[in-house]
Amino acid sequence: MKDGVKVLDSWALMAYFKGEPAGQKVLELLKESASRQRNLLLSVVNWGEVLYSAERLWGLRGRDETAHRMRQMHLDVIPADQEIAEQAARYKAAGKISYADCFAAALTKLRNATLVTGDKEFKAIEKEIKILWL
């Protein structure tokens, strides 16, 4: 895998938790981050998106298990500060992308990172940020 900071979006984590083929690449990134002691980044907004998605799919118990598993991963959950919110707002105003996805994109841009996703919504801004497509 390439060096550098990587940001996960909720699509990537849900692919992993649901056992989808793209989740295998996420597992490789998680193992790599653990071995290098270099955490992957996740916006707190996307953390919440994973939790509500898990609850819709698997109920409260599944949500709690998902939260527990995420806490065991090498993830740095980044708060949505004013700078990130302003960049997310720019993305939302300019394109057809969900507001939660805008936070993943904003974090990626501001940290000069690479976004890990398979969510086609990000096609709208793929010229502005680096994307590792799953």
Foldseek 3Di string as FASTA:
>chain_A
DDDFAEEEALQQVVCLVVVHPSVVVVVVVQVVCVVVVNAHEYEVLRLVVNLVVQCVVPNPVSSVVSNVVVVVTRYDHDYCDPQLQVQLVVDVVPADDDSSVSSSVSVQQVRVGEYEHQDPRCVGPCVRGHYDHD
